[in-house]
Amino acid sequence: MEKVGKIVTILLWVLLIVSAVLIVSMMVNISENEADPTMGSWINSNLVWSYILLLIGGGIAVIAAIFNMASDIKAAKKGLMSILFLGIVALVSYLLASDAIPQFVGVQKFINDGTLTTQVAKLVDAGLYATYILLGLAVLSILLSSVTRLFK
């Protein structure tokens, strides 16, 4: 186990050094010219590196959650119930959502350029319904916990 800790520490230092080199290189090559291709390539390199770090972090988080679920069955049941609950809220929200395009000033511009379609309108409506449902449940749970405390 001590060997794993050393490997993780070395890996973290390597990631830190690569990140620092990329940032310093970009800062050294900053230019006033917005069309400078060198500046664009450094920005792209840093963006790609940040995506790589994001994927590594997300992957580690998922792997750690899977190991935690495998080691603690009670926590796994609670986590799966939470995911199931969120799935049900998403399904109900999607079923309640309308695909009608809302009418407001300037809507025709979004329809013409294709950014507002019936599918987009339905997804936005579903997101709003999910927000309303979860907000209502949060308020309801706060009220119920306050009431139950009064009777204890």
N, C-alpha and C. Protein backbone atom coordinates (compact mmCIF):
# COMPACT_ATOMS: atom_id res chain seq x y z
N MET A 1 0.82 -1.19 0.00
CA MET A 1 0.00 0.00 0.00
C MET A 1 0.87 1.26 0.00
N GLU A 2 2.03 1.16 0.66
CA GLU A 2 2.93 2.30 0.71
C GLU A 2 3.48 2.61 -0.69
N LYS A 3 3.66 1.56 -1.49
CA LYS A 3 4.14 1.74 -2.86
C LYS A 3 3.12 2.50 -3.71
N VAL A 4 1.85 2.19 -3.50
CA VAL A 4 0.78 2.87 -4.24
C VAL A 4 0.78 4.36 -3.89
N GLY A 5 0.97 4.69 -2.62
CA GLY A 5 1.01 6.08 -2.19
C GLY A 5 2.15 6.84 -2.85
N LYS A 6 3.32 6.19 -2.98
CA LYS A 6 4.45 6.84 -3.65
C LYS A 6 4.16 7.06 -5.12
N ILE A 7 3.52 6.09 -5.76
CA ILE A 7 3.20 6.21 -7.18
C ILE A 7 2.20 7.34 -7.40
N VAL A 8 1.21 7.43 -6.55
CA VAL A 8 0.22 8.51 -6.66
C VAL A 8 0.88 9.86 -6.45
N THR A 9 1.77 9.96 -5.48
CA THR A 9 2.47 11.22 -5.22
C THR A 9 3.32 11.62 -6.42
N ILE A 10 4.04 10.68 -7.01
CA ILE A 10 4.86 10.97 -8.19
C ILE A 10 3.97 11.40 -9.35
N LEU A 11 2.85 10.71 -9.54
CA LEU A 11 1.93 11.05 -10.62
C LEU A 11 1.36 12.46 -10.44
N LEU A 12 1.00 12.81 -9.21
CA LEU A 12 0.49 14.16 -8.95
C LEU A 12 1.54 15.23 -9.21
N TRP A 13 2.80 14.95 -8.85
CA TRP A 13 3.87 15.92 -9.12
C TRP A 13 4.09 16.07 -10.62
N VAL A 14 4.02 14.98 -11.37
CA VAL A 14 4.18 15.05 -12.83
C VAL A 14 3.07 15.89 -13.43
N LEU A 15 1.81 15.67 -13.00
CA LEU A 15 0.70 16.46 -13.51
C LEU A 15 0.86 17.94 -13.16
N LEU A 16 1.32 18.22 -11.96
CA LEU A 16 1.54 19.60 -11.54
C LEU A 16 2.63 20.27 -12.37
N ILE A 17 3.72 19.56 -12.61
CA ILE A 17 4.83 20.12 -13.39
C ILE A 17 4.40 20.39 -14.83
N VAL A 18 3.70 19.44 -15.44
CA VAL A 18 3.23 19.64 -16.82
C VAL A 18 2.28 20.82 -16.88
N SER A 19 1.38 20.93 -15.91
CA SER A 19 0.45 22.07 -15.88
C SER A 19 1.19 23.38 -15.74
N ALA A 20 2.16 23.42 -14.85
CA ALA A 20 2.93 24.65 -14.63
C ALA A 20 3.71 25.04 -15.88
N VAL A 21 4.32 24.07 -16.55
CA VAL A 21 5.08 24.37 -17.77
C VAL A 21 4.16 24.92 -18.85
N LEU A 22 2.98 24.32 -19.01
CA LEU A 22 2.05 24.81 -20.03
C LEU A 22 1.57 26.23 -19.72
N ILE A 23 1.24 26.50 -18.48
CA ILE A 23 0.76 27.84 -18.10
C ILE A 23 1.87 28.88 -18.27
N VAL A 24 3.07 28.57 -17.80
CA VAL A 24 4.18 29.52 -17.92
C VAL A 24 4.50 29.76 -19.39
N SER A 25 4.50 28.71 -20.20
CA SER A 25 4.78 28.86 -21.63
C SER A 25 3.74 29.75 -22.29
N MET A 26 2.49 29.59 -21.93
CA MET A 26 1.45 30.43 -22.51
C MET A 26 1.63 31.88 -22.06
N MET A 27 1.94 32.09 -20.80
CA MET A 27 2.09 33.46 -20.29
C MET A 27 3.30 34.15 -20.93
N VAL A 28 4.36 33.41 -21.18
CA VAL A 28 5.55 34.00 -21.80
C VAL A 28 5.26 34.39 -23.24
N ASN A 29 4.40 33.64 -23.91
CA ASN A 29 4.12 33.89 -25.33
C ASN A 29 2.89 34.76 -25.56
N ILE A 30 2.39 35.42 -24.54
CA ILE A 30 1.23 36.31 -24.73
C ILE A 30 1.64 37.46 -25.64
N SER A 31 0.77 37.74 -26.60
CA SER A 31 1.04 38.85 -27.50
C SER A 31 -0.20 39.72 -27.62
N GLU A 32 0.00 40.95 -28.06
CA GLU A 32 -1.09 41.88 -28.26
C GLU A 32 -1.88 41.56 -29.52
N ASN A 33 -1.26 40.87 -30.45
CA ASN A 33 -1.87 40.55 -31.73
C ASN A 33 -2.86 39.39 -31.54
N GLU A 34 -4.14 39.64 -31.76
CA GLU A 34 -5.16 38.61 -31.56
C GLU A 34 -5.09 37.51 -32.61
N ALA A 35 -4.49 37.80 -33.76
CA ALA A 35 -4.42 36.82 -34.84
C ALA A 35 -3.12 36.02 -34.79
N ASP A 36 -2.36 36.16 -33.73
CA ASP A 36 -1.09 35.44 -33.60
C ASP A 36 -1.34 33.94 -33.48
N PRO A 37 -0.85 33.13 -34.44
CA PRO A 37 -1.11 31.69 -34.39
C PRO A 37 -0.41 30.99 -33.23
N THR A 38 0.71 31.54 -32.79
CA THR A 38 1.42 30.93 -31.66
C THR A 38 0.59 31.02 -30.39
N MET A 39 -0.02 32.18 -30.18
CA MET A 39 -0.87 32.37 -29.00
C MET A 39 -2.05 31.41 -29.04
N GLY A 40 -2.67 31.29 -30.22
CA GLY A 40 -3.79 30.37 -30.36
C GLY A 40 -3.41 28.93 -30.07
N SER A 41 -2.22 28.54 -30.51
CA SER A 41 -1.80 27.15 -30.28
C SER A 41 -1.54 26.90 -28.80
N TRP A 42 -0.99 27.91 -28.09
CA TRP A 42 -0.77 27.73 -26.65
C TRP A 42 -2.09 27.66 -25.89
N ILE A 43 -3.05 28.47 -26.32
CA ILE A 43 -4.36 28.41 -25.67
C ILE A 43 -5.01 27.06 -25.93
N ASN A 44 -4.92 26.57 -27.16
CA ASN A 44 -5.48 25.25 -27.48
C ASN A 44 -4.80 24.15 -26.68
N SER A 45 -3.48 24.23 -26.56
CA SER A 45 -2.74 23.22 -25.78
C SER A 45 -3.20 23.21 -24.33
N ASN A 46 -3.38 24.39 -23.75
CA ASN A 46 -3.84 24.46 -22.36
C ASN A 46 -5.27 23.97 -22.22
N LEU A 47 -6.13 24.25 -23.20
CA LEU A 47 -7.50 23.74 -23.14
C LEU A 47 -7.52 22.22 -23.23
N VAL A 48 -6.74 21.66 -24.14
CA VAL A 48 -6.69 20.20 -24.26
C VAL A 48 -6.18 19.59 -22.96
N TRP A 49 -5.15 20.18 -22.37
CA TRP A 49 -4.62 19.68 -21.11
C TRP A 49 -5.67 19.74 -20.00
N SER A 50 -6.45 20.84 -19.97
CA SER A 50 -7.49 20.94 -18.94
C SER A 50 -8.58 19.89 -19.16
N TYR A 51 -8.90 19.58 -20.43
CA TYR A 51 -9.86 18.51 -20.70
C TYR A 51 -9.30 17.16 -20.24
N ILE A 52 -8.02 16.93 -20.49
CA ILE A 52 -7.40 15.67 -20.04
C ILE A 52 -7.46 15.56 -18.52
N LEU A 53 -7.13 16.66 -17.82
CA LEU A 53 -7.20 16.65 -16.35
C LEU A 53 -8.62 16.43 -15.85
N LEU A 54 -9.59 17.02 -16.55
CA LEU A 54 -11.00 16.84 -16.18
C LEU A 54 -11.41 15.38 -16.34
N LEU A 55 -11.00 14.77 -17.44
CA LEU A 55 -11.32 13.35 -17.65
C LEU A 55 -10.64 12.46 -16.61
N ILE A 56 -9.41 12.76 -16.29
CA ILE A 56 -8.70 11.97 -15.27
C ILE A 56 -9.40 12.11 -13.92
N GLY A 57 -9.73 13.34 -13.54
CA GLY A 57 -10.43 13.57 -12.26
C GLY A 57 -11.79 12.91 -12.22
N GLY A 58 -12.55 13.03 -13.31
CA GLY A 58 -13.87 12.38 -13.37
C GLY A 58 -13.75 10.87 -13.31
N GLY A 59 -12.77 10.34 -14.02
CA GLY A 59 -12.57 8.89 -14.00
C GLY A 59 -12.21 8.38 -12.62
N ILE A 60 -11.33 9.10 -11.94
CA ILE A 60 -10.94 8.71 -10.59
C ILE A 60 -12.13 8.80 -9.64
N ALA A 61 -12.96 9.83 -9.81
CA ALA A 61 -14.15 9.97 -8.96
C ALA A 61 -15.12 8.81 -9.17
N VAL A 62 -15.31 8.42 -10.41
CA VAL A 62 -16.21 7.29 -10.70
C VAL A 62 -15.65 5.99 -10.15
N ILE A 63 -14.36 5.77 -10.34
CA ILE A 63 -13.73 4.54 -9.83
C ILE A 63 -13.80 4.50 -8.31
N ALA A 64 -13.55 5.63 -7.65
CA ALA A 64 -13.62 5.67 -6.19
C ALA A 64 -15.04 5.39 -5.71
N ALA A 65 -16.04 5.93 -6.41
CA ALA A 65 -17.43 5.68 -6.03
C ALA A 65 -17.78 4.21 -6.20
N ILE A 66 -17.30 3.58 -7.26
CA ILE A 66 -17.57 2.15 -7.47
C ILE A 66 -16.91 1.31 -6.37
N PHE A 67 -15.66 1.64 -6.02
CA PHE A 67 -15.01 0.91 -4.93
C PHE A 67 -15.74 1.11 -3.61
N ASN A 68 -16.22 2.33 -3.36
CA ASN A 68 -16.97 2.60 -2.14
C ASN A 68 -18.27 1.81 -2.11
N MET A 69 -18.95 1.76 -3.25
CA MET A 69 -20.20 0.99 -3.32
C MET A 69 -19.94 -0.49 -3.08
N ALA A 70 -18.84 -1.00 -3.61
CA ALA A 70 -18.53 -2.42 -3.45
C ALA A 70 -18.16 -2.75 -2.00
N SER A 71 -17.58 -1.79 -1.30
CA SER A 71 -17.15 -2.06 0.07
C SER A 71 -18.25 -1.83 1.10
N ASP A 72 -19.23 -1.00 0.79
CA ASP A 72 -20.29 -0.68 1.73
C ASP A 72 -21.65 -0.85 1.04
N ILE A 73 -22.29 -1.98 1.26
CA ILE A 73 -23.54 -2.31 0.58
C ILE A 73 -24.67 -1.36 0.98
N LYS A 74 -24.71 -0.95 2.26
CA LYS A 74 -25.76 -0.04 2.70
C LYS A 74 -25.67 1.30 1.97
N ALA A 75 -24.46 1.82 1.85
CA ALA A 75 -24.26 3.08 1.13
C ALA A 75 -24.60 2.90 -0.35
N ALA A 76 -24.30 1.74 -0.88
CA ALA A 76 -24.60 1.47 -2.29
C ALA A 76 -26.10 1.49 -2.54
N LYS A 77 -26.87 0.91 -1.62
CA LYS A 77 -28.33 0.91 -1.76
C LYS A 77 -28.87 2.34 -1.71
N LYS A 78 -28.36 3.15 -0.79
CA LYS A 78 -28.81 4.54 -0.70
C LYS A 78 -28.45 5.32 -1.95
N GLY A 79 -27.25 5.12 -2.45
CA GLY A 79 -26.81 5.82 -3.65
C GLY A 79 -27.64 5.43 -4.87
N LEU A 80 -27.93 4.13 -5.00
CA LEU A 80 -28.74 3.67 -6.13
C LEU A 80 -30.18 4.16 -6.02
N MET A 81 -30.69 4.25 -4.80
CA MET A 81 -32.04 4.78 -4.61
C MET A 81 -32.08 6.27 -5.00
N SER A 82 -31.05 7.00 -4.67
CA SER A 82 -30.98 8.42 -5.04
C SER A 82 -30.95 8.58 -6.56
N ILE A 83 -30.14 7.75 -7.22
CA ILE A 83 -30.07 7.82 -8.68
C ILE A 83 -31.41 7.43 -9.30
N LEU A 84 -32.05 6.42 -8.75
CA LEU A 84 -33.37 6.01 -9.24
C LEU A 84 -34.39 7.14 -9.05
N PHE A 85 -34.36 7.80 -7.90
CA PHE A 85 -35.26 8.92 -7.63
C PHE A 85 -35.05 10.04 -8.64
N LEU A 86 -33.78 10.41 -8.90
CA LEU A 86 -33.50 11.46 -9.88
C LEU A 86 -33.94 11.05 -11.28
N GLY A 87 -33.81 9.77 -11.60
CA GLY A 87 -34.28 9.27 -12.89
C GLY A 87 -35.79 9.39 -13.02
N ILE A 88 -36.50 9.10 -11.93
CA ILE A 88 -37.96 9.22 -11.95
C ILE A 88 -38.37 10.68 -12.10
N VAL A 89 -37.70 11.58 -11.39
CA VAL A 89 -38.00 13.01 -11.52
C VAL A 89 -37.74 13.47 -12.96
N ALA A 90 -36.64 13.01 -13.55
CA ALA A 90 -36.33 13.39 -14.94
C ALA A 90 -37.38 12.85 -15.90
N LEU A 91 -37.81 11.61 -15.70
CA LEU A 91 -38.82 11.02 -16.57
C LEU A 91 -40.16 11.75 -16.45
N VAL A 92 -40.59 12.02 -15.23
CA VAL A 92 -41.85 12.74 -15.02
C VAL A 92 -41.76 14.14 -15.63
N SER A 93 -40.64 14.80 -15.45
CA SER A 93 -40.46 16.14 -16.02
C SER A 93 -40.53 16.10 -17.53
N TYR A 94 -39.90 15.10 -18.14
CA TYR A 94 -39.90 14.99 -19.60
C TYR A 94 -41.31 14.69 -20.12
N LEU A 95 -42.04 13.85 -19.38
CA LEU A 95 -43.41 13.53 -19.81
C LEU A 95 -44.35 14.72 -19.67
N LEU A 96 -44.12 15.58 -18.68
CA LEU A 96 -44.95 16.76 -18.48
C LEU A 96 -44.60 17.90 -19.45
N ALA A 97 -43.39 17.87 -20.00
CA ALA A 97 -42.90 18.97 -20.82
C ALA A 97 -43.63 19.04 -22.16
N SER A 98 -43.76 20.26 -22.65
CA SER A 98 -44.39 20.52 -23.93
C SER A 98 -43.31 20.85 -24.96
N ASP A 99 -43.55 20.45 -26.21
CA ASP A 99 -42.58 20.78 -27.25
C ASP A 99 -42.98 22.03 -28.03
N ALA A 100 -43.95 22.76 -27.51
CA ALA A 100 -44.38 24.00 -28.18
C ALA A 100 -43.30 25.07 -28.01
N ILE A 101 -43.01 25.74 -29.10
CA ILE A 101 -42.01 26.80 -29.06
C ILE A 101 -42.65 28.05 -28.47
N PRO A 102 -42.06 28.60 -27.41
CA PRO A 102 -42.66 29.77 -26.76
C PRO A 102 -42.59 30.99 -27.68
N GLN A 103 -43.54 31.87 -27.53
CA GLN A 103 -43.57 33.10 -28.34
C GLN A 103 -43.11 34.27 -27.48
N PHE A 104 -42.04 34.89 -27.89
CA PHE A 104 -41.53 36.08 -27.22
C PHE A 104 -40.83 36.93 -28.27
N VAL A 105 -40.52 38.14 -27.90
CA VAL A 105 -39.88 39.07 -28.83
C VAL A 105 -38.51 38.53 -29.22
N GLY A 106 -38.27 38.38 -30.51
CA GLY A 106 -36.97 37.92 -30.99
C GLY A 106 -36.87 36.42 -31.16
N VAL A 107 -37.95 35.67 -30.94
CA VAL A 107 -37.89 34.21 -31.04
C VAL A 107 -37.62 33.75 -32.48
N GLN A 108 -38.08 34.52 -33.44
CA GLN A 108 -37.94 34.11 -34.84
C GLN A 108 -36.46 33.99 -35.23
N LYS A 109 -35.60 34.81 -34.66
CA LYS A 109 -34.16 34.74 -34.94
C LYS A 109 -33.60 33.37 -34.54
N PHE A 110 -34.02 32.89 -33.37
CA PHE A 110 -33.52 31.60 -32.87
C PHE A 110 -34.10 30.43 -33.67
N ILE A 111 -35.32 30.59 -34.13
CA ILE A 111 -35.93 29.55 -34.96
C ILE A 111 -35.24 29.50 -36.31
N ASN A 112 -34.96 30.66 -36.89
CA ASN A 112 -34.34 30.72 -38.21
C ASN A 112 -32.93 30.15 -38.21
N ASP A 113 -32.16 30.43 -37.17
CA ASP A 113 -30.78 29.90 -37.18
C ASP A 113 -30.69 28.48 -36.62
N GLY A 114 -31.81 27.90 -36.22
CA GLY A 114 -31.85 26.48 -35.83
C GLY A 114 -31.49 26.19 -34.39
N THR A 115 -31.27 27.22 -33.58
CA THR A 115 -30.92 26.94 -32.18
C THR A 115 -32.14 26.62 -31.33
N LEU A 116 -33.33 27.04 -31.78
CA LEU A 116 -34.55 26.73 -31.04
C LEU A 116 -35.43 25.83 -31.90
N THR A 117 -35.46 24.57 -31.52
CA THR A 117 -36.31 23.59 -32.20
C THR A 117 -37.32 23.06 -31.19
N THR A 118 -38.22 22.21 -31.67
CA THR A 118 -39.20 21.64 -30.75
C THR A 118 -38.53 20.75 -29.71
N GLN A 119 -37.46 20.04 -30.11
CA GLN A 119 -36.75 19.18 -29.15
C GLN A 119 -36.05 20.01 -28.08
N VAL A 120 -35.45 21.12 -28.49
CA VAL A 120 -34.79 22.01 -27.52
C VAL A 120 -35.83 22.60 -26.58
N ALA A 121 -36.97 23.01 -27.12
CA ALA A 121 -38.03 23.57 -26.28
C ALA A 121 -38.52 22.54 -25.27
N LYS A 122 -38.64 21.27 -25.70
CA LYS A 122 -39.09 20.22 -24.79
C LYS A 122 -38.06 19.98 -23.68
N LEU A 123 -36.77 19.98 -24.03
CA LEU A 123 -35.73 19.76 -23.02
C LEU A 123 -35.65 20.92 -22.03
N VAL A 124 -35.81 22.14 -22.52
CA VAL A 124 -35.81 23.30 -21.61
C VAL A 124 -37.02 23.22 -20.68
N ASP A 125 -38.17 22.88 -21.23
CA ASP A 125 -39.37 22.75 -20.42
C ASP A 125 -39.21 21.64 -19.38
N ALA A 126 -38.60 20.53 -19.78
CA ALA A 126 -38.36 19.43 -18.84
C ALA A 126 -37.41 19.87 -17.73
N GLY A 127 -36.38 20.65 -18.08
CA GLY A 127 -35.46 21.16 -17.06
C GLY A 127 -36.15 22.08 -16.07
N LEU A 128 -37.06 22.90 -16.59
CA LEU A 128 -37.82 23.78 -15.69
C LEU A 128 -38.73 22.98 -14.77
N TYR A 129 -39.42 21.99 -15.33
CA TYR A 129 -40.28 21.14 -14.48
C TYR A 129 -39.46 20.40 -13.42
N ALA A 130 -38.30 19.89 -13.80
CA ALA A 130 -37.45 19.19 -12.83
C ALA A 130 -37.02 20.14 -11.71
N THR A 131 -36.69 21.38 -12.08
CA THR A 131 -36.31 22.37 -11.07
C THR A 131 -37.47 22.65 -10.13
N TYR A 132 -38.66 22.81 -10.69
CA TYR A 132 -39.84 23.08 -9.85
C TYR A 132 -40.13 21.90 -8.92
N ILE A 133 -40.06 20.69 -9.45
CA ILE A 133 -40.34 19.50 -8.64
C ILE A 133 -39.34 19.39 -7.50
N LEU A 134 -38.05 19.51 -7.82
CA LEU A 134 -37.02 19.37 -6.79
C LEU A 134 -37.08 20.50 -5.76
N LEU A 135 -37.40 21.72 -6.21
CA LEU A 135 -37.56 22.83 -5.27
C LEU A 135 -38.75 22.59 -4.34
N GLY A 136 -39.85 22.13 -4.91
CA GLY A 136 -41.02 21.82 -4.09
C GLY A 136 -40.74 20.73 -3.08
N LEU A 137 -40.04 19.68 -3.50
CA LEU A 137 -39.70 18.61 -2.57
C LEU A 137 -38.74 19.08 -1.48
N ALA A 138 -37.82 19.97 -1.83
CA ALA A 138 -36.89 20.50 -0.83
C ALA A 138 -37.64 21.33 0.21
N VAL A 139 -38.53 22.20 -0.24
CA VAL A 139 -39.33 23.01 0.70
C VAL A 139 -40.20 22.12 1.56
N LEU A 140 -40.83 21.12 0.93
CA LEU A 140 -41.68 20.19 1.67
C LEU A 140 -40.89 19.42 2.72
N SER A 141 -39.69 18.99 2.39
CA SER A 141 -38.89 18.25 3.37
C SER A 141 -38.45 19.14 4.52
N ILE A 142 -38.18 20.41 4.24
CA ILE A 142 -37.82 21.35 5.32
C ILE A 142 -39.00 21.54 6.26
N LEU A 143 -40.18 21.73 5.67
CA LEU A 143 -41.38 21.90 6.49
C LEU A 143 -41.68 20.66 7.31
N LEU A 144 -41.59 19.49 6.69
CA LEU A 144 -41.89 18.25 7.41
C LEU A 144 -40.89 17.99 8.53
N SER A 145 -39.62 18.30 8.29
CA SER A 145 -38.65 18.07 9.37
C SER A 145 -38.89 19.03 10.53
N SER A 146 -39.34 20.24 10.24
CA SER A 146 -39.65 21.19 11.31
C SER A 146 -40.86 20.72 12.11
N VAL A 147 -41.88 20.23 11.42
CA VAL A 147 -43.09 19.76 12.10
C VAL A 147 -42.80 18.52 12.94
N THR A 148 -42.02 17.59 12.41
CA THR A 148 -41.72 16.38 13.16
C THR A 148 -40.87 16.69 14.40
N ARG A 149 -40.05 17.72 14.34
CA ARG A 149 -39.27 18.12 15.51
C ARG A 149 -40.16 18.66 16.62
N LEU A 150 -41.26 19.29 16.25
CA LEU A 150 -42.19 19.82 17.25
C LEU A 150 -42.85 18.70 18.06
N PHE A 151 -43.07 17.57 17.43
CA PHE A 151 -43.76 16.47 18.11
C PHE A 151 -42.81 15.50 18.81
N LYS A 152 -41.54 15.74 18.76
CA LYS A 152 -40.58 14.85 19.45
C LYS A 152 -40.36 15.25 20.86
